[in-house]
PDB file of N, CA and C in Angstrom:
ATOM      1  N   MET A   1      59.384  -6.275 -39.079  1.00  0.00           N
ATOM      2  CA  MET A   1      60.279  -7.239 -39.679  1.00  0.00           C
ATOM      3  C   MET A   1      60.663  -8.280 -38.644  1.00  0.00           C
ATOM      4  N   THR A   2      61.014  -9.453 -39.139  1.00  0.00           N
ATOM      5  CA  THR A   2      61.369 -10.549 -38.252  1.00  0.00           C
ATOM      6  C   THR A   2      62.548 -11.321 -38.812  1.00  0.00           C
ATOM      7  N   ILE A   3      62.899 -12.370 -38.116  1.00  0.00           N
ATOM      8  CA  ILE A   3      63.983 -13.249 -38.530  1.00  0.00           C
ATOM      9  C   ILE A   3      63.770 -13.797 -39.944  1.00  0.00           C
ATOM     10  N   GLU A   4      62.531 -13.901 -40.361  1.00  0.00           N
ATOM     11  CA  GLU A   4      62.234 -14.424 -41.693  1.00  0.00           C
ATOM     12  C   GLU A   4      62.567 -13.435 -42.804  1.00  0.00           C
ATOM     13  N   ASP A   5      62.727 -12.167 -42.481  1.00  0.00           N
ATOM     14  CA  ASP A   5      63.125 -11.151 -43.459  1.00  0.00           C
ATOM     15  C   ASP A   5      64.650 -11.057 -43.453  1.00  0.00           C
ATOM     16  N   THR A   6      65.295 -12.067 -44.033  1.00  0.00           N
ATOM     17  CA  THR A   6      66.749 -12.186 -43.904  1.00  0.00           C
ATOM     18  C   THR A   6      67.527 -11.098 -44.630  1.00  0.00           C
ATOM     19  N   ASP A   7      66.879 -10.365 -45.498  1.00  0.00           N
ATOM     20  CA  ASP A   7      67.571  -9.302 -46.224  1.00  0.00           C
ATOM     21  C   ASP A   7      67.412  -7.939 -45.554  1.00  0.00           C
ATOM     22  N   LYS A   8      66.826  -7.905 -44.374  1.00  0.00           N
ATOM     23  CA  LYS A   8      66.543  -6.631 -43.697  1.00  0.00           C
ATOM     24  C   LYS A   8      67.208  -6.575 -42.324  1.00  0.00           C
ATOM     25  N   ILE A   9      67.395  -5.349 -41.865  1.00  0.00           N
ATOM     26  CA  ILE A   9      67.777  -5.110 -40.472  1.00  0.00           C
ATOM     27  C   ILE A   9      66.483  -4.752 -39.766  1.00  0.00           C
ATOM     28  N   ASP A  10      66.147  -5.498 -38.726  1.00  0.00           N
ATOM     29  CA  ASP A  10      64.857  -5.318 -38.064  1.00  0.00           C
ATOM     30  C   ASP A  10      64.746  -4.001 -37.321  1.00  0.00           C
ATOM     31  N   HIS A  11      65.806  -3.646 -36.612  1.00  0.00           N
ATOM     32  CA  HIS A  11      65.689  -2.560 -35.646  1.00  0.00           C
ATOM     33  C   HIS A  11      67.089  -2.003 -35.374  1.00  0.00           C
ATOM     34  N   ILE A  12      67.235  -0.698 -35.449  1.00  0.00           N
ATOM     35  CA  ILE A  12      68.515  -0.044 -35.157  1.00  0.00           C
ATOM     36  C   ILE A  12      68.280   0.974 -34.053  1.00  0.00           C
ATOM     37  N   SER A  13      69.126   0.928 -33.034  1.00  0.00           N
ATOM     38  CA  SER A  13      69.027   1.914 -31.961  1.00  0.00           C
ATOM     39  C   SER A  13      70.430   2.178 -31.410  1.00  0.00           C
ATOM     40  N   ILE A  14      70.521   3.158 -30.557  1.00  0.00           N
ATOM     41  CA  ILE A  14      71.778   3.449 -29.874  1.00  0.00           C
ATOM     42  C   ILE A  14      71.526   3.273 -28.385  1.00  0.00           C
ATOM     43  N   GLU A  15      72.348   2.464 -27.755  1.00  0.00           N
ATOM     44  CA  GLU A  15      72.219   2.187 -26.332  1.00  0.00           C
ATOM     45  C   GLU A  15      72.682   3.410 -25.542  1.00  0.00           C
ATOM     46  N   PRO A  16      71.788   4.033 -24.797  1.00  0.00           N
ATOM     47  CA  PRO A  16      72.150   5.273 -24.098  1.00  0.00           C
ATOM     48  C   PRO A  16      73.339   5.128 -23.140  1.00  0.00           C
ATOM     49  N   ALA A  17      73.413   4.038 -22.417  1.00  0.00           N
ATOM     50  CA  ALA A  17      74.465   3.884 -21.406  1.00  0.00           C
ATOM     51  C   ALA A  17      75.860   3.727 -22.000  1.00  0.00           C
ATOM     52  N   THR A  18      75.948   3.106 -23.189  1.00  0.00           N
ATOM     53  CA  THR A  18      77.264   2.812 -23.763  1.00  0.00           C
ATOM     54  C   THR A  18      77.555   3.537 -25.066  1.00  0.00           C
ATOM     55  N   GLY A  19      76.515   4.015 -25.731  1.00  0.00           N
ATOM     56  CA  GLY A  19      76.688   4.615 -27.049  1.00  0.00           C
ATOM     57  C   GLY A  19      76.832   3.594 -28.152  1.00  0.00           C
ATOM     58  N   LYS A  20      76.680   2.311 -27.813  1.00  0.00           N
ATOM     59  CA  LYS A  20      76.779   1.266 -28.837  1.00  0.00           C
ATOM     60  C   LYS A  20      75.591   1.309 -29.775  1.00  0.00           C
ATOM     61  N   VAL A  21      75.855   0.997 -31.024  1.00  0.00           N
ATOM     62  CA  VAL A  21      74.796   0.794 -31.999  1.00  0.00           C
ATOM     63  C   VAL A  21      74.260  -0.623 -31.778  1.00  0.00           C
ATOM     64  N   LEU A  22      72.956  -0.728 -31.638  1.00  0.00           N
ATOM     65  CA  LEU A  22      72.316  -2.023 -31.444  1.00  0.00           C
ATOM     66  C   LEU A  22      71.546  -2.400 -32.700  1.00  0.00           C
ATOM     67  N   LEU A  23      71.923  -3.506 -33.288  1.00  0.00           N
ATOM     68  CA  LEU A  23      71.191  -4.067 -34.409  1.00  0.00           C
ATOM     69  C   LEU A  23      70.411  -5.247 -33.844  1.00  0.00           C
ATOM     70  N   THR A  24      69.102  -5.112 -33.784  1.00  0.00           N
ATOM     71  CA  THR A  24      68.275  -6.094 -33.111  1.00  0.00           C
ATOM     72  C   THR A  24      67.566  -6.992 -34.117  1.00  0.00           C
ATOM     73  N   ILE A  25      67.668  -8.288 -33.866  1.00  0.00           N
ATOM     74  CA  ILE A  25      66.981  -9.308 -34.649  1.00  0.00           C
ATOM     75  C   ILE A  25      65.779  -9.770 -33.836  1.00  0.00           C
ATOM     76  N   SER A  26      64.612  -9.780 -34.449  1.00  0.00           N
ATOM     77  CA  SER A  26      63.384 -10.228 -33.788  1.00  0.00           C
ATOM     78  C   SER A  26      63.114 -11.677 -34.175  1.00  0.00           C
ATOM     79  N   ASP A  27      63.297 -12.585 -33.217  1.00  0.00           N
ATOM     80  CA  ASP A  27      63.123 -14.014 -33.472  1.00  0.00           C
ATOM     81  C   ASP A  27      61.887 -14.516 -32.742  1.00  0.00           C
ATOM     82  N   HIS A  28      60.820 -14.710 -33.486  1.00  0.00           N
ATOM     83  CA  HIS A  28      59.541 -15.148 -32.917  1.00  0.00           C
ATOM     84  C   HIS A  28      59.266 -16.632 -33.125  1.00  0.00           C
ATOM     85  N   LEU A  29      60.185 -17.340 -33.758  1.00  0.00           N
ATOM     86  CA  LEU A  29      59.936 -18.731 -34.133  1.00  0.00           C
ATOM     87  C   LEU A  29      60.280 -19.712 -33.007  1.00  0.00           C
ATOM     88  N   PRO A  30      59.470 -20.743 -32.832  1.00  0.00           N
ATOM     89  CA  PRO A  30      59.812 -21.787 -31.862  1.00  0.00           C
ATOM     90  C   PRO A  30      60.921 -22.676 -32.437  1.00  0.00           C
ATOM     91  N   TRP A  31      61.669 -23.314 -31.557  1.00  0.00           N
ATOM     92  CA  TRP A  31      62.769 -24.176 -31.986  1.00  0.00           C
ATOM     93  C   TRP A  31      62.334 -25.619 -32.197  1.00  0.00           C
ATOM     94  N   ASP A  32      61.135 -25.966 -31.769  1.00  0.00           N
ATOM     95  CA  ASP A  32      60.724 -27.364 -31.859  1.00  0.00           C
ATOM     96  C   ASP A  32      60.014 -27.704 -33.170  1.00  0.00           C
ATOM     97  N   THR A  33      59.916 -26.746 -34.079  1.00  0.00           N
ATOM     98  CA  THR A  33      59.374 -27.031 -35.409  1.00  0.00           C
ATOM     99  C   THR A  33      60.358 -26.515 -36.454  1.00  0.00           C
ATOM    100  N   ASP A  34      60.832 -27.383 -37.308  1.00  0.00           N
ATOM    101  CA  ASP A  34      61.770 -27.060 -38.395  1.00  0.00           C
ATOM    102  C   ASP A  34      63.005 -26.323 -37.896  1.00  0.00           C
ATOM    103  N   GLU A  35      63.702 -26.982 -36.978  1.00  0.00           N
ATOM    104  CA  GLU A  35      64.902 -26.396 -36.384  1.00  0.00           C
ATOM    105  C   GLU A  35      65.966 -26.060 -37.431  1.00  0.00           C
ATOM    106  N   GLY A  36      66.093 -26.905 -38.456  1.00  0.00           N
ATOM    107  CA  GLY A  36      67.090 -26.648 -39.495  1.00  0.00           C
ATOM    108  C   GLY A  36      66.840 -25.330 -40.209  1.00  0.00           C
ATOM    109  N   ARG A  37      65.602 -25.065 -40.547  1.00  0.00           N
ATOM    110  CA  ARG A  37      65.254 -23.796 -41.195  1.00  0.00           C
ATOM    111  C   ARG A  37      65.495 -22.629 -40.248  1.00  0.00           C
ATOM    112  N   HIS A  38      65.156 -22.811 -38.988  1.00  0.00           N
ATOM    113  CA  HIS A  38      65.358 -21.763 -37.990  1.00  0.00           C
ATOM    114  C   HIS A  38      66.847 -21.409 -37.888  1.00  0.00           C
ATOM    115  N   LEU A  39      67.708 -22.421 -37.842  1.00  0.00           N
ATOM    116  CA  LEU A  39      69.153 -22.180 -37.783  1.00  0.00           C
ATOM    117  C   LEU A  39      69.635 -21.420 -39.012  1.00  0.00           C
ATOM    118  N   GLU A  40      69.147 -21.820 -40.191  1.00  0.00           N
ATOM    119  CA  GLU A  40      69.539 -21.132 -41.429  1.00  0.00           C
ATOM    120  C   GLU A  40      69.096 -19.674 -41.418  1.00  0.00           C
ATOM    121  N   LEU A  41      67.871 -19.426 -40.978  1.00  0.00           N
ATOM    122  CA  LEU A  41      67.365 -18.055 -40.921  1.00  0.00           C
ATOM    123  C   LEU A  41      68.172 -17.199 -39.950  1.00  0.00           C
ATOM    124  N   LEU A  42      68.454 -17.754 -38.782  1.00  0.00           N
ATOM    125  CA  LEU A  42      69.207 -16.992 -37.785  1.00  0.00           C
ATOM    126  C   LEU A  42      70.610 -16.666 -38.291  1.00  0.00           C
ATOM    127  N   GLN A  43      71.267 -17.644 -38.865  1.00  0.00           N
ATOM    128  CA  GLN A  43      72.602 -17.401 -39.393  1.00  0.00           C
ATOM    129  C   GLN A  43      72.561 -16.368 -40.521  1.00  0.00           C
ATOM    130  N   ALA A  44      71.611 -16.494 -41.433  1.00  0.00           N
ATOM    131  CA  ALA A  44      71.493 -15.539 -42.537  1.00  0.00           C
ATOM    132  C   ALA A  44      71.227 -14.138 -42.011  1.00  0.00           C
ATOM    133  N   LYS A  45      70.402 -14.041 -40.995  1.00  0.00           N
ATOM    134  CA  LYS A  45      70.053 -12.737 -40.423  1.00  0.00           C
ATOM    135  C   LYS A  45      71.268 -12.089 -39.767  1.00  0.00           C
ATOM    136  N   VAL A  46      72.039 -12.870 -39.016  1.00  0.00           N
ATOM    137  CA  VAL A  46      73.259 -12.333 -38.394  1.00  0.00           C
ATOM    138  C   VAL A  46      74.236 -11.883 -39.471  1.00  0.00           C
ATOM    139  N   TYR A  47      74.399 -12.695 -40.504  1.00  0.00           N
ATOM    140  CA  TYR A  47      75.325 -12.318 -41.568  1.00  0.00           C
ATOM    141  C   TYR A  47      74.847 -11.088 -42.338  1.00  0.00           C
ATOM    142  N   ARG A  48      73.564 -10.869 -42.427  1.00  0.00           N
ATOM    143  CA  ARG A  48      73.039  -9.647 -43.059  1.00  0.00           C
ATOM    144  C   ARG A  48      73.447  -8.425 -42.240  1.00  0.00           C
ATOM    145  N   GLN A  49      73.358  -8.536 -40.913  1.00  0.00           N
ATOM    146  CA  GLN A  49      73.772  -7.432 -40.043  1.00  0.00           C
ATOM    147  C   GLN A  49      75.272  -7.171 -40.235  1.00  0.00           C
ATOM    148  N   LEU A  50      76.035  -8.251 -40.271  1.00  0.00           N
ATOM    149  CA  LEU A  50      77.479  -8.141 -40.453  1.00  0.00           C
ATOM    150  C   LEU A  50      77.819  -7.497 -41.788  1.00  0.00           C
ATOM    151  N   ASP A  51      77.119  -7.877 -42.832  1.00  0.00           N
ATOM    152  CA  ASP A  51      77.348  -7.284 -44.146  1.00  0.00           C
ATOM    153  C   ASP A  51      77.070  -5.776 -44.132  1.00  0.00           C
ATOM    154  N   ALA A  52      76.010  -5.363 -43.452  1.00  0.00           N
ATOM    155  CA  ALA A  52      75.687  -3.933 -43.370  1.00  0.00           C
ATOM    156  C   ALA A  52      76.796  -3.168 -42.664  1.00  0.00           C
ATOM    157  N   ILE A  53      77.414  -3.789 -41.670  1.00  0.00           N
ATOM    158  CA  ILE A  53      78.508  -3.145 -40.938  1.00  0.00           C
ATOM    159  C   ILE A  53      79.753  -3.084 -41.815  1.00  0.00           C
ATOM    160  N   GLU A  54      80.158  -4.241 -42.327  1.00  0.00           N
ATOM    161  CA  GLU A  54      81.411  -4.333 -43.072  1.00  0.00           C
ATOM    162  C   GLU A  54      81.397  -3.566 -44.381  1.00  0.00           C
ATOM    163  N   SER A  55      80.272  -3.511 -45.048  1.00  0.00           N
ATOM    164  CA  SER A  55      80.191  -2.826 -46.342  1.00  0.00           C
ATOM    165  C   SER A  55      80.134  -1.309 -46.196  1.00  0.00           C
ATOM    166  N   GLY A  56      79.893  -0.832 -44.975  1.00  0.00           N
ATOM    167  CA  GLY A  56      79.738   0.604 -44.762  1.00  0.00           C
ATOM    168  C   GLY A  56      78.310   1.081 -44.954  1.00  0.00           C
ATOM    169  N   GLU A  57      77.412   0.163 -45.324  1.00  0.00           N
ATOM    170  CA  GLU A  57      76.013   0.533 -45.535  1.00  0.00           C
ATOM    171  C   GLU A  57      75.414   1.171 -44.292  1.00  0.00           C
ATOM    172  N   LEU A  58      75.699   0.603 -43.125  1.00  0.00           N
ATOM    173  CA  LEU A  58      75.130   1.118 -41.880  1.00  0.00           C
ATOM    174  C   LEU A  58      75.522   2.575 -41.656  1.00  0.00           C
ATOM    175  N   SER A  59      76.792   2.889 -41.771  1.00  0.00           N
ATOM    176  CA  SER A  59      77.227   4.273 -41.528  1.00  0.00           C
ATOM    177  C   SER A  59      76.820   5.222 -42.655  1.00  0.00           C
ATOM    178  N   ARG A  60      76.678   4.707 -43.877  1.00  0.00           N
ATOM    179  CA  ARG A  60      76.194   5.563 -44.968  1.00  0.00           C
ATOM    180  C   ARG A  60      74.732   5.929 -44.769  1.00  0.00           C
ATOM    181  N   ARG A  61      73.906   4.926 -44.433  1.00  0.00           N
ATOM    182  CA  ARG A  61      72.468   5.178 -44.258  1.00  0.00           C
ATOM    183  C   ARG A  61      72.171   5.922 -42.964  1.00  0.00           C
ATOM    184  N   PHE A  62      72.978   5.655 -41.949  1.00  0.00           N
ATOM    185  CA  PHE A  62      72.768   6.250 -40.627  1.00  0.00           C
ATOM    186  C   PHE A  62      74.084   6.818 -40.128  1.00  0.00           C
ATOM    187  N   PRO A  63      74.450   8.022 -40.579  1.00  0.00           N
ATOM    188  CA  PRO A  63      75.753   8.590 -40.230  1.00  0.00           C
ATOM    189  C   PRO A  63      76.013   8.675 -38.726  1.00  0.00           C
ATOM    190  N   GLN A  64      74.959   8.758 -37.919  1.00  0.00           N
ATOM    191  CA  GLN A  64      75.146   8.845 -36.473  1.00  0.00           C
ATOM    192  C   GLN A  64      75.686   7.544 -35.878  1.00  0.00           C
ATOM    193  N   THR A  65      75.743   6.473 -36.663  1.00  0.00           N
ATOM    194  CA  THR A  65      76.307   5.211 -36.180  1.00  0.00           C
ATOM    195  C   THR A  65      77.803   5.110 -36.456  1.00  0.00           C
ATOM    196  N   SER A  66      78.313   5.979 -37.289  1.00  0.00           N
ATOM    197  CA  SER A  66      79.707   5.906 -37.719  1.00  0.00           C
ATOM    198  C   SER A  66      80.664   6.024 -36.537  1.00  0.00           C
ATOM    199  N   GLY A  67      81.618   5.108 -36.498  1.00  0.00           N
ATOM    200  CA  GLY A  67      82.647   5.141 -35.468  1.00  0.00           C
ATOM    201  C   GLY A  67      82.225   4.588 -34.113  1.00  0.00           C
ATOM    202  N   ARG A  68      81.005   4.174 -33.989  1.00  0.00           N
ATOM    203  CA  ARG A  68      80.519   3.635 -32.705  1.00  0.00           C
ATOM    204  C   ARG A  68      80.717   2.118 -32.661  1.00  0.00           C
ATOM    205  N   PRO A  69      80.906   1.575 -31.468  1.00  0.00           N
ATOM    206  CA  PRO A  69      80.928   0.115 -31.357  1.00  0.00           C
ATOM    207  C   PRO A  69      79.541  -0.448 -31.651  1.00  0.00           C
ATOM    208  N   VAL A  70      79.497  -1.716 -32.057  1.00  0.00           N
ATOM    209  CA  VAL A  70      78.238  -2.329 -32.484  1.00  0.00           C
ATOM    210  C   VAL A  70      77.985  -3.612 -31.705  1.00  0.00           C
ATOM    211  N   ALA A  71      76.716  -3.826 -31.377  1.00  0.00           N
ATOM    212  CA  ALA A  71      76.262  -5.100 -30.819  1.00  0.00           C
ATOM    213  C   ALA A  71      75.083  -5.585 -31.659  1.00  0.00           C
ATOM    214  N   ILE A  72      75.110  -6.857 -31.989  1.00  0.00           N
ATOM    215  CA  ILE A  72      73.962  -7.504 -32.625  1.00  0.00           C
ATOM    216  C   ILE A  72      73.242  -8.235 -31.506  1.00  0.00           C
ATOM    217  N   GLN A  73      71.971  -7.923 -31.329  1.00  0.00           N
ATOM    218  CA  GLN A  73      71.226  -8.612 -30.275  1.00  0.00           C
ATOM    219  C   GLN A  73      70.032  -9.331 -30.866  1.00  0.00           C
ATOM    220  N   ILE A  74      69.858 -10.542 -30.385  1.00  0.00           N
ATOM    221  CA  ILE A  74      68.772 -11.402 -30.845  1.00  0.00           C
ATOM    222  C   ILE A  74      67.731 -11.454 -29.738  1.00  0.00           C
ATOM    223  N   TYR A  75      66.577 -10.888 -29.990  1.00  0.00           N
ATOM    224  CA  TYR A  75      65.451 -10.990 -29.058  1.00  0.00           C
ATOM    225  C   TYR A  75      64.629 -12.189 -29.485  1.00  0.00           C
ATOM    226  N   SER A  76      64.520 -13.180 -28.601  1.00  0.00           N
ATOM    227  CA  SER A  76      63.842 -14.420 -28.936  1.00  0.00           C
ATOM    228  C   SER A  76      62.650 -14.654 -28.024  1.00  0.00           C
ATOM    229  N   LEU A  77      61.561 -15.146 -28.597  1.00  0.00           N
ATOM    230  CA  LEU A  77      60.392 -15.508 -27.795  1.00  0.00           C
ATOM    231  C   LEU A  77      60.557 -16.867 -27.120  1.00  0.00           C
ATOM    232  N   PHE A  78      61.506 -17.677 -27.612  1.00  0.00           N
ATOM    233  CA  PHE A  78      61.673 -19.034 -27.112  1.00  0.00           C
ATOM    234  C   PHE A  78      63.127 -19.293 -26.742  1.00  0.00           C
ATOM    235  N   GLU A  79      63.318 -20.138 -25.727  1.00  0.00           N
ATOM    236  CA  GLU A  79      64.663 -20.588 -25.350  1.00  0.00           C
ATOM    237  C   GLU A  79      65.329 -21.237 -26.559  1.00  0.00           C
ATOM    238  N   LEU A  80      66.632 -21.080 -26.646  1.00  0.00           N
ATOM    239  CA  LEU A  80      67.382 -21.710 -27.721  1.00  0.00           C
ATOM    240  C   LEU A  80      67.374 -23.230 -27.573  1.00  0.00           C
ATOM    241  N   SER A  81      67.338 -23.924 -28.692  1.00  0.00           N
ATOM    242  CA  SER A  81      67.579 -25.368 -28.691  1.00  0.00           C
ATOM    243  C   SER A  81      69.087 -25.565 -28.496  1.00  0.00           C
ATOM    244  N   GLN A  82      69.510 -26.795 -28.338  1.00  0.00           N
ATOM    245  CA  GLN A  82      70.947 -27.053 -28.194  1.00  0.00           C
ATOM    246  C   GLN A  82      71.701 -26.606 -29.443  1.00  0.00           C
ATOM    247  N   ASP A  83      71.153 -26.896 -30.624  1.00  0.00           N
ATOM    248  CA  ASP A  83      71.818 -26.464 -31.861  1.00  0.00           C
ATOM    249  C   ASP A  83      71.797 -24.945 -31.999  1.00  0.00           C
ATOM    250  N   GLY A  84      70.724 -24.309 -31.556  1.00  0.00           N
ATOM    251  CA  GLY A  84      70.667 -22.850 -31.552  1.00  0.00           C
ATOM    252  C   GLY A  84      71.718 -22.259 -30.635  1.00  0.00           C
ATOM    253  N   ARG A  85      71.866 -22.854 -29.451  1.00  0.00           N
ATOM    254  CA  ARG A  85      72.890 -22.416 -28.496  1.00  0.00           C
ATOM    255  C   ARG A  85      74.275 -22.588 -29.097  1.00  0.00           C
ATOM    256  N   ASN A  86      74.502 -23.725 -29.772  1.00  0.00           N
ATOM    257  CA  ASN A  86      75.802 -23.963 -30.413  1.00  0.00           C
ATOM    258  C   ASN A  86      76.100 -22.895 -31.461  1.00  0.00           C
ATOM    259  N   LEU A  87      75.087 -22.540 -32.244  1.00  0.00           N
ATOM    260  CA  LEU A  87      75.275 -21.501 -33.259  1.00  0.00           C
ATOM    261  C   LEU A  87      75.657 -20.178 -32.607  1.00  0.00           C
ATOM    262  N   VAL A  88      74.918 -19.763 -31.599  1.00  0.00           N
ATOM    263  CA  VAL A  88      75.223 -18.502 -30.903  1.00  0.00           C
ATOM    264  C   VAL A  88      76.616 -18.576 -30.263  1.00  0.00           C
ATOM    265  N   ASP A  89      76.931 -19.717 -29.644  1.00  0.00           N
ATOM    266  CA  ASP A  89      78.242 -19.877 -29.003  1.00  0.00           C
ATOM    267  C   ASP A  89      79.380 -19.822 -30.012  1.00  0.00           C
ATOM    268  N   ASN A  90      79.150 -20.311 -31.232  1.00  0.00           N
ATOM    269  CA  ASN A  90      80.176 -20.259 -32.274  1.00  0.00           C
ATOM    270  C   ASN A  90      80.290 -18.865 -32.902  1.00  0.00           C
ATOM    271  N   LEU A  91      79.159 -18.200 -33.067  1.00  0.00           N
ATOM    272  CA  LEU A  91      79.185 -16.864 -33.662  1.00  0.00           C
ATOM    273  C   LEU A  91      79.769 -15.809 -32.726  1.00  0.00           C
ATOM    274  N   THR A  92      79.593 -15.999 -31.418  1.00  0.00           N
ATOM    275  CA  THR A  92      80.021 -14.983 -30.452  1.00  0.00           C
ATOM    276  C   THR A  92      81.515 -14.655 -30.569  1.00  0.00           C
ATOM    277  N   PRO A  93      82.433 -15.636 -30.497  1.00  0.00           N
ATOM    278  CA  PRO A  93      83.855 -15.275 -30.620  1.00  0.00           C
ATOM    279  C   PRO A  93      84.230 -14.822 -32.028  1.00  0.00           C
ATOM    280  N   TYR A  94      83.554 -15.368 -33.039  1.00  0.00           N
ATOM    281  CA  TYR A  94      83.811 -14.952 -34.421  1.00  0.00           C
ATOM    282  C   TYR A  94      83.541 -13.453 -34.576  1.00  0.00           C
ATOM    283  N   LEU A  95      82.379 -13.013 -34.102  1.00  0.00           N
ATOM    284  CA  LEU A  95      82.025 -11.598 -34.191  1.00  0.00           C
ATOM    285  C   LEU A  95      82.882 -10.755 -33.259  1.00  0.00           C
ATOM    286  N   ALA A  96      83.184 -11.273 -32.077  1.00  0.00           N
ATOM    287  CA  ALA A  96      84.025 -10.540 -31.123  1.00  0.00           C
ATOM    288  C   ALA A  96      85.391 -10.236 -31.735  1.00  0.00           C
ATOM    289  N   GLY A  97      85.889 -11.165 -32.553  1.00  0.00           N
ATOM    290  CA  GLY A  97      87.161 -10.941 -33.236  1.00  0.00           C
ATOM    291  C   GLY A  97      87.113  -9.766 -34.198  1.00  0.00           C
ATOM    292  N   MET A  98      85.915  -9.363 -34.579  1.00  0.00           N
ATOM    293  CA  MET A  98      85.719  -8.200 -35.451  1.00  0.00           C
ATOM    294  C   MET A  98      85.306  -6.975 -34.645  1.00  0.00           C
ATOM    295  N   GLY A  99      85.258  -7.126 -33.326  1.00  0.00           N
ATOM    296  CA  GLY A  99      84.854  -6.010 -32.479  1.00  0.00           C
ATOM    297  C   GLY A  99      83.349  -5.845 -32.352  1.00  0.00           C
ATOM    298  N   ILE A 100      82.588  -6.887 -32.676  1.00  0.00           N
ATOM    299  CA  ILE A 100      81.129  -6.833 -32.622  1.00  0.00           C
ATOM    300  C   ILE A 100      80.641  -7.767 -31.519  1.00  0.00           C
ATOM    301  N   GLU A 101      79.862  -7.226 -30.623  1.00  0.00           N
ATOM    302  CA  GLU A 101      79.297  -8.028 -29.544  1.00  0.00           C
ATOM    303  C   GLU A 101      78.035  -8.731 -30.047  1.00  0.00           C
ATOM    304  N   LEU A 102      77.831  -9.977 -29.623  1.00  0.00           N
ATOM    305  CA  LEU A 102      76.598 -10.696 -29.932  1.00  0.00           C
ATOM    306  C   LEU A 102      75.875 -10.960 -28.624  1.00  0.00           C
ATOM    307  N   ARG A 103      74.599 -10.584 -28.570  1.00  0.00           N
ATOM    308  CA  ARG A 103      73.775 -10.800 -27.388  1.00  0.00           C
ATOM    309  C   ARG A 103      72.557 -11.630 -27.778  1.00  0.00           C
ATOM    310  N   TRP A 104      72.195 -12.570 -26.916  1.00  0.00           N
ATOM    311  CA  TRP A 104      70.956 -13.301 -27.082  1.00  0.00           C
ATOM    312  C   TRP A 104      70.101 -13.010 -25.863  1.00  0.00           C
ATOM    313  N   ILE A 105      68.857 -12.573 -26.083  1.00  0.00           N
ATOM    314  CA  ILE A 105      67.979 -12.146 -24.995  1.00  0.00           C
ATOM    315  C   ILE A 105      66.639 -12.852 -25.144  1.00  0.00           C
ATOM    316  N   LEU A 106      66.222 -13.519 -24.084  1.00  0.00           N
ATOM    317  CA  LEU A 106      64.895 -14.117 -24.069  1.00  0.00           C
ATOM    318  C   LEU A 106      63.898 -13.004 -23.782  1.00  0.00           C
ATOM    319  N   PHE A 107      63.002 -12.795 -24.722  1.00  0.00           N
ATOM    320  CA  PHE A 107      62.016 -11.724 -24.615  1.00  0.00           C
ATOM    321  C   PHE A 107      60.980 -12.098 -23.564  1.00  0.00           C
ATOM    322  N   GLU A 108      60.859 -11.276 -22.569  1.00  0.00           N
ATOM    323  CA  GLU A 108      59.830 -11.460 -21.544  1.00  0.00           C
ATOM    324  C   GLU A 108      58.608 -10.699 -22.021  1.00  0.00           C
ATOM    325  N   LYS A 109      57.483 -11.328 -22.007  1.00  0.00           N
ATOM    326  CA  LYS A 109      56.275 -10.720 -22.560  1.00  0.00           C
ATOM    327  C   LYS A 109      55.923  -9.382 -21.905  1.00  0.00           C
ATOM    328  N   GLU A 110      56.375  -9.171 -20.678  1.00  0.00           N
ATOM    329  CA  GLU A 110      56.068  -7.913 -19.992  1.00  0.00           C
ATOM    330  C   GLU A 110      56.980  -6.773 -20.439  1.00  0.00           C
ATOM    331  N   GLU A 111      58.094  -7.097 -21.023  1.00  0.00           N
ATOM    332  CA  GLU A 111      59.042  -6.060 -21.415  1.00  0.00           C
ATOM    333  C   GLU A 111      58.946  -5.791 -22.906  1.00  0.00           C
ATOM    334  N   ALA A 112      59.362  -4.646 -23.284  1.00  0.00           N
ATOM    335  CA  ALA A 112      59.384  -4.283 -24.697  1.00  0.00           C
ATOM    336  C   ALA A 112      60.832  -4.156 -25.133  1.00  0.00           C
ATOM    337  N   PRO A 113      61.153  -4.522 -26.374  1.00  0.00           N
ATOM    338  CA  PRO A 113      62.509  -4.305 -26.849  1.00  0.00           C
ATOM    339  C   PRO A 113      62.805  -2.812 -26.891  1.00  0.00           C
ATOM    340  N   PRO A 114      64.074  -2.450 -26.960  1.00  0.00           N
ATOM    341  CA  PRO A 114      64.406  -1.025 -26.987  1.00  0.00           C
ATOM    342  C   PRO A 114      63.702  -0.309 -28.132  1.00  0.00           C
ATOM    343  N   LYS A 115      63.296   0.914 -27.893  1.00  0.00           N
ATOM    344  CA  LYS A 115      62.637   1.700 -28.939  1.00  0.00           C
ATOM    345  C   LYS A 115      63.678   2.156 -29.953  1.00  0.00           C
ATOM    346  N   PRO A 116      63.310   2.137 -31.232  1.00  0.00           N
ATOM    347  CA  PRO A 116      64.282   2.574 -32.237  1.00  0.00           C
ATOM    348  C   PRO A 116      64.551   4.061 -32.097  1.00  0.00           C
ATOM    349  N   ILE A 117      65.816   4.380 -32.224  1.00  0.00           N
ATOM    350  CA  ILE A 117      66.223   5.777 -32.238  1.00  0.00           C
ATOM    351  C   ILE A 117      66.351   6.227 -33.679  1.00  0.00           C
ATOM    352  N   LEU A 118      66.720   5.282 -34.530  1.00  0.00           N
ATOM    353  CA  LEU A 118      66.958   5.591 -35.933  1.00  0.00           C
ATOM    354  C   LEU A 118      65.855   4.982 -36.781  1.00  0.00           C
ATOM    355  N   PRO A 119      65.362   5.679 -37.762  1.00  0.00           N
ATOM    356  CA  PRO A 119      64.366   5.068 -38.658  1.00  0.00           C
ATOM    357  C   PRO A 119      65.045   3.983 -39.481  1.00  0.00           C
ATOM    358  N   ASN A 120      64.299   2.952 -39.816  1.00  0.00           N
ATOM    359  CA  ASN A 120      64.878   1.858 -40.595  1.00  0.00           C
ATOM    360  C   ASN A 120      64.518   1.985 -42.055  1.00  0.00           C
TER     361      ASN A 120
END
């Protein structure tokens, strides 16, 4: 699954060092083609993760996530555009106010994203 699957959670894992639930968004799209669509997809994807948390869907489907802190992390193949950075910068305090951390990570081709602990 990717950023284009806005109705899905791409990847769920638990961070061993902190015990946080990690909801990972896989963003493979470049920012220099159809930036407006990219912004809409990213925002929709983040809000889908938020809906899963707030509705209780996450803890119902994956009881081992219940009561744990949550981070939404965006793994991106490309650097953010200025508008992409603005979106992340605006979403970060909004989500933090709900107790949810937002992380943006530039995917290095040599590294792999965290392995899922929970089936999706």
